[in-house]
C-alpha atoms as a PDB file:
ATOM      1  CA  MET A   1       0.000   0.000   0.000  1.00  0.00           C
ATOM      2  CA  ALA A   2       1.202   3.508  -0.767  1.00  0.00           C
ATOM      3  CA  CYS A   3       2.179   5.767   2.118  1.00  0.00           C
ATOM      4  CA  ASP A   4      -0.480   8.210   3.192  1.00  0.00           C
ATOM      5  CA  ASN A   5       1.082  11.699   3.274  1.00  0.00           C
ATOM      6  CA  THR A   6      -2.151  13.479   4.066  1.00  0.00           C
ATOM      7  CA  HIS A   7      -1.461  16.543   6.268  1.00  0.00           C
ATOM      8  CA  GLU A   8      -4.180  17.763   8.565  1.00  0.00           C
ATOM      9  CA  HIS A   9      -4.359  21.517   8.955  1.00  0.00           C
ATOM     10  CA  ILE A  10      -4.884  21.860  12.699  1.00  0.00           C
ATOM     11  CA  ALA A  11      -4.627  25.202  14.431  1.00  0.00           C
ATOM     12  CA  PRO A  12      -2.274  25.424  17.427  1.00  0.00           C
ATOM     13  CA  ALA A  13      -3.663  25.338  20.940  1.00  0.00           C
ATOM     14  CA  ILE A  14      -5.283  28.537  22.084  1.00  0.00           C
ATOM     15  CA  ASN A  15      -3.110  30.612  24.362  1.00  0.00           C
ATOM     16  CA  PRO A  16      -5.116  31.858  27.354  1.00  0.00           C
ATOM     17  CA  GLU A  17      -3.744  35.336  26.674  1.00  0.00           C
ATOM     18  CA  ASP A  18      -5.376  35.231  23.218  1.00  0.00           C
ATOM     19  CA  SER A  19      -8.803  34.301  24.540  1.00  0.00           C
ATOM     20  CA  LEU A  20     -11.739  36.521  23.821  1.00  0.00           C
ATOM     21  CA  PRO A  21     -13.533  38.161  26.760  1.00  0.00           C
ATOM     22  CA  PHE A  22     -16.349  36.185  28.309  1.00  0.00           C
ATOM     23  CA  MET A  23     -18.457  39.353  28.425  1.00  0.00           C
ATOM     24  CA  THR A  24     -18.132  42.855  26.991  1.00  0.00           C
ATOM     25  CA  SER A  25     -20.227  45.773  28.211  1.00  0.00           C
ATOM     26  CA  HIS A  26     -20.462  49.250  26.710  1.00  0.00           C
ATOM     27  CA  GLY A  27     -21.387  52.513  28.417  1.00  0.00           C
ATOM     28  CA  ILE A  28     -21.640  51.157  31.939  1.00  0.00           C
ATOM     29  CA  SER A  29     -22.354  52.736  35.305  1.00  0.00           C
ATOM     30  CA  ASN A  30     -22.314  49.988  37.899  1.00  0.00           C
ATOM     31  CA  LEU A  31     -22.366  49.712  41.699  1.00  0.00           C
ATOM     32  CA  ILE A  32     -20.257  46.963  43.280  1.00  0.00           C
ATOM     33  CA  SER A  33     -20.854  45.577  46.761  1.00  0.00           C
ATOM     34  CA  ASP A  34     -18.355  44.162  49.230  1.00  0.00           C
ATOM     35  CA  SER A  35     -19.756  41.764  51.854  1.00  0.00           C
ATOM     36  CA  GLY A  36     -23.260  42.900  50.933  1.00  0.00           C
ATOM     37  CA  VAL A  37     -22.475  46.627  51.307  1.00  0.00           C
ATOM     38  CA  ILE A  38     -22.196  48.936  48.306  1.00  0.00           C
ATOM     39  CA  SER A  39     -18.572  50.033  48.286  1.00  0.00           C
ATOM     40  CA  TYR A  40     -17.660  51.080  44.728  1.00  0.00           C
ATOM     41  CA  LYS A  41     -19.065  52.734  41.653  1.00  0.00           C
ATOM     42  CA  ILE A  42     -17.575  52.089  38.214  1.00  0.00           C
ATOM     43  CA  VAL A  43     -18.186  54.256  35.149  1.00  0.00           C
ATOM     44  CA  ALA A  44     -16.545  53.188  31.887  1.00  0.00           C
ATOM     45  CA  GLU A  45     -17.071  53.216  28.154  1.00  0.00           C
ATOM     46  CA  ASP A  46     -15.996  49.575  27.682  1.00  0.00           C
ATOM     47  CA  TRP A  47     -15.662  46.773  30.229  1.00  0.00           C
ATOM     48  CA  ASP A  48     -14.218  43.387  29.189  1.00  0.00           C
ATOM     49  CA  ILE A  49     -14.390  40.429  31.576  1.00  0.00           C
ATOM     50  CA  TYR A  50     -12.028  37.472  31.035  1.00  0.00           C
ATOM     51  CA  THR A  51     -12.621  34.135  32.771  1.00  0.00           C
ATOM     52  CA  THR A  52      -9.028  32.986  32.376  1.00  0.00           C
ATOM     53  CA  THR A  53      -6.959  32.007  35.402  1.00  0.00           C
ATOM     54  CA  PRO A  54      -6.472  34.408  37.053  1.00  0.00           C
ATOM     55  CA  GLN A  55      -9.562  36.334  36.050  1.00  0.00           C
ATOM     56  CA  LYS A  56      -9.110  39.780  34.595  1.00  0.00           C
ATOM     57  CA  TRP A  57     -11.171  42.884  33.928  1.00  0.00           C
ATOM     58  CA  THR A  58      -9.963  45.422  31.368  1.00  0.00           C
ATOM     59  CA  PHE A  59     -11.054  49.013  30.804  1.00  0.00           C
ATOM     60  CA  LEU A  60      -9.141  49.973  27.670  1.00  0.00           C
ATOM     61  CA  LYS A  61     -11.055  53.208  27.025  1.00  0.00           C
ATOM     62  CA  GLY A  62     -10.766  54.695  30.485  1.00  0.00           C
ATOM     63  CA  LEU A  63     -12.226  54.272  33.939  1.00  0.00           C
ATOM     64  CA  PHE A  64     -13.852  56.393  36.641  1.00  0.00           C
ATOM     65  CA  LEU A  65     -14.038  54.705  40.049  1.00  0.00           C
ATOM     66  CA  GLU A  66     -15.490  55.923  43.352  1.00  0.00           C
ATOM     67  CA  LYS A  67     -14.939  54.291  46.741  1.00  0.00           C
ATOM     68  CA  PHE A  68     -17.527  54.724  49.521  1.00  0.00           C
ATOM     69  CA  ASP A  69     -17.170  54.401  53.272  1.00  0.00           C
ATOM     70  CA  THR A  70     -19.694  52.638  55.515  1.00  0.00           C
ATOM     71  CA  THR A  71     -21.907  55.746  55.575  1.00  0.00           C
ATOM     72  CA  PHE A  72     -21.881  55.954  51.744  1.00  0.00           C
ATOM     73  CA  HIS A  73     -19.726  59.072  51.637  1.00  0.00           C
ATOM     74  CA  VAL A  74     -17.083  59.167  48.907  1.00  0.00           C
ATOM     75  CA  GLU A  75     -13.623  58.431  50.362  1.00  0.00           C
ATOM     76  CA  TRP A  76     -11.884  59.123  47.066  1.00  0.00           C
ATOM     77  CA  HIS A  77     -12.378  58.870  43.341  1.00  0.00           C
ATOM     78  CA  VAL A  78      -9.905  58.031  40.598  1.00  0.00           C
ATOM     79  CA  GLN A  79      -9.848  58.289  36.829  1.00  0.00           C
ATOM     80  CA  ALA A  80      -7.357  56.721  34.428  1.00  0.00           C
ATOM     81  CA  ASP A  81      -6.865  56.294  30.681  1.00  0.00           C
ATOM     82  CA  THR A  82      -6.540  52.499  31.014  1.00  0.00           C
ATOM     83  CA  ALA A  83      -7.274  50.135  33.888  1.00  0.00           C
ATOM     84  CA  TYR A  84      -6.959  46.430  34.670  1.00  0.00           C
ATOM     85  CA  CYS A  85      -8.245  44.409  37.605  1.00  0.00           C
ATOM     86  CA  HIS A  86      -6.359  41.129  38.174  1.00  0.00           C
ATOM     87  CA  ASP A  87      -8.074  38.262  39.975  1.00  0.00           C
ATOM     88  CA  ASN A  88     -10.684  40.633  41.462  1.00  0.00           C
ATOM     89  CA  ARG A  89      -7.991  41.874  43.832  1.00  0.00           C
ATOM     90  CA  ILE A  90      -5.220  44.035  42.343  1.00  0.00           C
ATOM     91  CA  TRP A  91      -6.010  47.109  40.275  1.00  0.00           C
ATOM     92  CA  GLU A  92      -3.505  48.450  37.766  1.00  0.00           C
ATOM     93  CA  LEU A  93      -4.140  52.000  36.514  1.00  0.00           C
ATOM     94  CA  ARG A  94      -2.194  53.441  33.590  1.00  0.00           C
ATOM     95  CA  GLY A  95      -1.961  56.654  31.598  1.00  0.00           C
ATOM     96  CA  ARG A  96      -3.208  59.877  33.128  1.00  0.00           C
ATOM     97  CA  VAL A  97      -4.067  58.716  36.642  1.00  0.00           C
ATOM     98  CA  VAL A  98      -5.729  61.306  38.893  1.00  0.00           C
ATOM     99  CA  ILE A  99      -7.005  60.670  42.441  1.00  0.00           C
ATOM    100  CA  LEU A 100      -8.874  63.090  44.695  1.00  0.00           C
ATOM    101  CA  ASN A 101      -9.359  62.083  48.345  1.00  0.00           C
ATOM    102  CA  ARG A 102     -11.997  63.402  50.750  1.00  0.00           C
ATOM    103  CA  GLU A 103      -9.534  65.962  52.167  1.00  0.00           C
ATOM    104  CA  GLY A 104      -9.209  67.599  48.737  1.00  0.00           C
ATOM    105  CA  THR A 105      -5.639  66.379  48.131  1.00  0.00           C
ATOM    106  CA  LEU A 106      -4.935  65.698  44.447  1.00  0.00           C
ATOM    107  CA  PHE A 107      -2.588  62.906  43.312  1.00  0.00           C
ATOM    108  CA  ARG A 108      -1.277  62.671  39.727  1.00  0.00           C
ATOM    109  CA  SER A 109       0.838  59.934  38.171  1.00  0.00           C
ATOM    110  CA  GLU A 110       1.117  57.664  35.124  1.00  0.00           C
ATOM    111  CA  GLU A 111       0.858  54.482  37.187  1.00  0.00           C
ATOM    112  CA  LEU A 112      -0.954  53.317  40.302  1.00  0.00           C
ATOM    113  CA  PHE A 113      -1.509  49.891  41.859  1.00  0.00           C
ATOM    114  CA  TRP A 114      -4.151  49.086  44.466  1.00  0.00           C
ATOM    115  CA  ASP A 115      -4.313  45.847  46.467  1.00  0.00           C
ATOM    116  CA  MET A 116      -7.870  45.525  47.765  1.00  0.00           C
ATOM    117  CA  ASN A 117      -6.987  42.706  50.187  1.00  0.00           C
ATOM    118  CA  GLU A 118      -3.941  44.386  51.705  1.00  0.00           C
ATOM    119  CA  HIS A 119      -5.605  47.850  51.581  1.00  0.00           C
ATOM    120  CA  LYS A 120      -2.484  49.442  50.086  1.00  0.00           C
ATOM    121  CA  MET A 121      -1.659  51.661  47.114  1.00  0.00           C
ATOM    122  CA  TRP A 122       1.695  52.230  45.455  1.00  0.00           C
ATOM    123  CA  SER A 123       3.459  53.559  42.381  1.00  0.00           C
ATOM    124  CA  ASN A 124       7.054  53.326  41.174  1.00  0.00           C
ATOM    125  CA  LEU A 125       6.775  56.234  38.748  1.00  0.00           C
ATOM    126  CA  PHE A 126       6.750  59.986  39.252  1.00  0.00           C
ATOM    127  CA  MET A 127       3.977  61.217  41.553  1.00  0.00           C
ATOM    128  CA  ARG A 128       2.782  64.781  42.152  1.00  0.00           C
ATOM    129  CA  ILE A 129       0.651  65.731  45.159  1.00  0.00           C
ATOM    130  CA  ASP A 130      -1.248  69.044  45.428  1.00  0.00           C
ATOM    131  CA  LYS A 131      -3.052  70.336  48.515  1.00  0.00           C
ATOM    132  CA  PRO A 132      -5.352  73.128  47.288  1.00  0.00           C
ATOM    133  CA  ASP A 133      -6.296  74.299  50.788  1.00  0.00           C
ATOM    134  CA  SER A 134      -2.687  75.157  51.679  1.00  0.00           C
ATOM    135  CA  GLU A 135      -1.250  75.410  48.129  1.00  0.00           C
ATOM    136  CA  GLN A 136       1.444  72.914  49.109  1.00  0.00           C
ATOM    137  CA  GLN A 137       3.035  70.773  46.394  1.00  0.00           C
ATOM    138  CA  LEU A 138       5.062  67.595  46.737  1.00  0.00           C
ATOM    139  CA  GLU A 139       6.573  65.371  44.057  1.00  0.00           C
ATOM    140  CA  GLY A 140       8.872  62.373  43.905  1.00  0.00           C
ATOM    141  CA  ASN A 141       9.085  58.646  43.135  1.00  0.00           C
ATOM    142  CA  ARG A 142       8.183  55.351  44.819  1.00  0.00           C
ATOM    143  CA  PHE A 143       4.848  56.394  46.285  1.00  0.00           C
ATOM    144  CA  ARG A 144       3.308  54.296  49.088  1.00  0.00           C
ATOM    145  CA  SER A 145      -0.056  54.909  50.775  1.00  0.00           C
ATOM    146  CA  ASN A 146      -2.885  53.405  52.743  1.00  0.00           C
ATOM    147  CA  GLU A 147      -6.169  52.667  50.989  1.00  0.00           C
ATOM    148  CA  GLU A 148      -7.766  55.939  52.098  1.00  0.00           C
ATOM    149  CA  MET A 149      -4.921  57.982  50.538  1.00  0.00           C
ATOM    150  CA  THR A 150      -4.445  59.868  53.806  1.00  0.00           C
ATOM    151  CA  ASP A 151      -1.237  58.289  55.180  1.00  0.00           C
ATOM    152  CA  TYR A 152       1.430  58.243  52.485  1.00  0.00           C
ATOM    153  CA  HIS A 153       5.143  58.706  51.898  1.00  0.00           C
ATOM    154  CA  ILE A 154       7.277  59.300  48.831  1.00  0.00           C
ATOM    155  CA  THR A 155      11.033  59.017  48.186  1.00  0.00           C
ATOM    156  CA  SER A 156      13.351  61.417  46.343  1.00  0.00           C
ATOM    157  CA  SER A 157      10.786  64.082  47.152  1.00  0.00           C
ATOM    158  CA  SER A 158      10.817  67.815  46.580  1.00  0.00           C
ATOM    159  CA  GLY A 159       8.209  70.548  46.882  1.00  0.00           C
ATOM    160  CA  PHE A 160       7.345  73.931  48.281  1.00  0.00           C
ATOM    161  CA  THR A 161       5.048  75.570  50.817  1.00  0.00           C
ATOM    162  CA  PRO A 162       3.993  79.191  50.199  1.00  0.00           C
ATOM    163  CA  VAL A 163       4.595  81.602  53.089  1.00  0.00           C
ATOM    164  CA  SER A 164       2.656  84.875  53.320  1.00  0.00           C
ATOM    165  CA  GLU A 165       4.338  88.154  54.269  1.00  0.00           C
ATOM    166  CA  SER A 166       2.467  88.198  57.564  1.00  0.00           C
ATOM    167  CA  ASP A 167       4.218  84.952  58.509  1.00  0.00           C
ATOM    168  CA  ASN A 168       7.678  86.412  58.014  1.00  0.00           C
ATOM    169  CA  GLU A 169       9.553  87.092  61.208  1.00  0.00           C
ATOM    170  CA  GLN A 170       9.717  90.789  61.967  1.00  0.00           C
ATOM    171  CA  PRO A 171      13.110  92.158  63.025  1.00  0.00           C
ATOM    172  CA  THR A 172      13.451  92.753  66.748  1.00  0.00           C
ATOM    173  CA  PRO A 173      14.018  96.465  67.488  1.00  0.00           C
ATOM    174  CA  ALA A 174      17.275  97.371  69.221  1.00  0.00           C
ATOM    175  CA  ALA A 175      17.121  98.200  72.910  1.00  0.00           C
ATOM    176  CA  PRO A 176      16.884 101.978  73.417  1.00  0.00           C
ATOM    177  CA  THR A 177      20.008 103.726  74.620  1.00  0.00           C
ATOM    178  CA  GLU A 178      19.998 106.413  77.296  1.00  0.00           C
ATOM    179  CA  GLU A 179      20.203 109.139  74.643  1.00  0.00           C
ATOM    180  CA  THR A 180      17.281 107.812  72.602  1.00  0.00           C
ATOM    181  CA  ALA A 181      15.230 107.336  75.755  1.00  0.00           C
ATOM    182  CA  LYS A 182      15.770 110.994  76.655  1.00  0.00           C
ATOM    183  CA  LYS A 183      14.835 112.069  73.134  1.00  0.00           C
ATOM    184  CA  ASP A 184      11.649 110.017  73.171  1.00  0.00           C
ATOM    185  CA  SER A 185      10.704 111.423  76.553  1.00  0.00           C
ATOM    186  CA  VAL A 186      11.095 114.971  75.298  1.00  0.00           C
ATOM    187  CA  VAL A 187       9.014 114.336  72.158  1.00  0.00           C
ATOM    188  CA  VAL A 188       6.013 112.776  73.847  1.00  0.00           C
ATOM    189  CA  ARG A 189       5.776 115.026  76.898  1.00  0.00           C
ATOM    190  CA  ALA A 190       2.830 117.399  77.163  1.00  0.00           C
ATOM    191  CA  PRO A 191       3.529 121.048  76.225  1.00  0.00           C
ATOM    192  CA  ASN A 192       4.467 123.498  79.000  1.00  0.00           C
ATOM    193  CA  LYS A 193       5.067 120.611  81.350  1.00  0.00           C
ATOM    194  CA  PRO A 194       8.434 120.701  83.142  1.00  0.00           C
ATOM    195  CA  ILE A 195      10.871 118.010  82.178  1.00  0.00           C
ATOM    196  CA  PRO A 196      11.621 115.603  85.009  1.00  0.00           C
ATOM    197  CA  SER A 197      14.909 116.294  86.623  1.00  0.00           C
ATOM    198  CA  SER A 198      16.057 112.738  85.979  1.00  0.00           C
ATOM    199  CA  ILE A 199      16.422 113.426  82.223  1.00  0.00           C
ATOM    200  CA  HIS A 200      17.532 117.125  82.299  1.00  0.00           C
ATOM    201  CA  ARG A 201      20.374 117.654  79.907  1.00  0.00           C
ATOM    202  CA  GLN A 202      23.514 119.509  80.906  1.00  0.00           C
END
């Protein structure tokens, strides 16, 4: 019998990274609960959900995210050009990342990570921090913060704090000499009143 050289055209195995999203949503505004309590609000143009291991959410056209406290007040909100959520735990924000906390402090960077389980935020890129109430500015690298964005530190930092003229230290006047004391006494005395003998000049 002749050899069978038939070649089957079989596509290679699908790489999990090439998988299509399980679900794609457009123009969303969604509330997300944590332990039965509404904790987050997501607004995005596109939201892709992947069921690969680990699971992944992608927001390739931007993201606006709000975080609420237990009394449903906004603790902070963030917006970014691109966002990813890995395994429903670690958020990765890229592009123009801007965060505003409840104290009015503004954080700007091109990268920000948020671990929801460890309640920590960090960035290894340049970070700028503005406090509008005091006009203070701080910038540097290797940003680390708590989840509320109220307790943070930054390395290789620099910045400035404006100081008003009223806060400048006024020079201390020199102690009056005997001659100036006599002169002042003569100037302020009432007219036609005799000069005390203790400051009569020779």
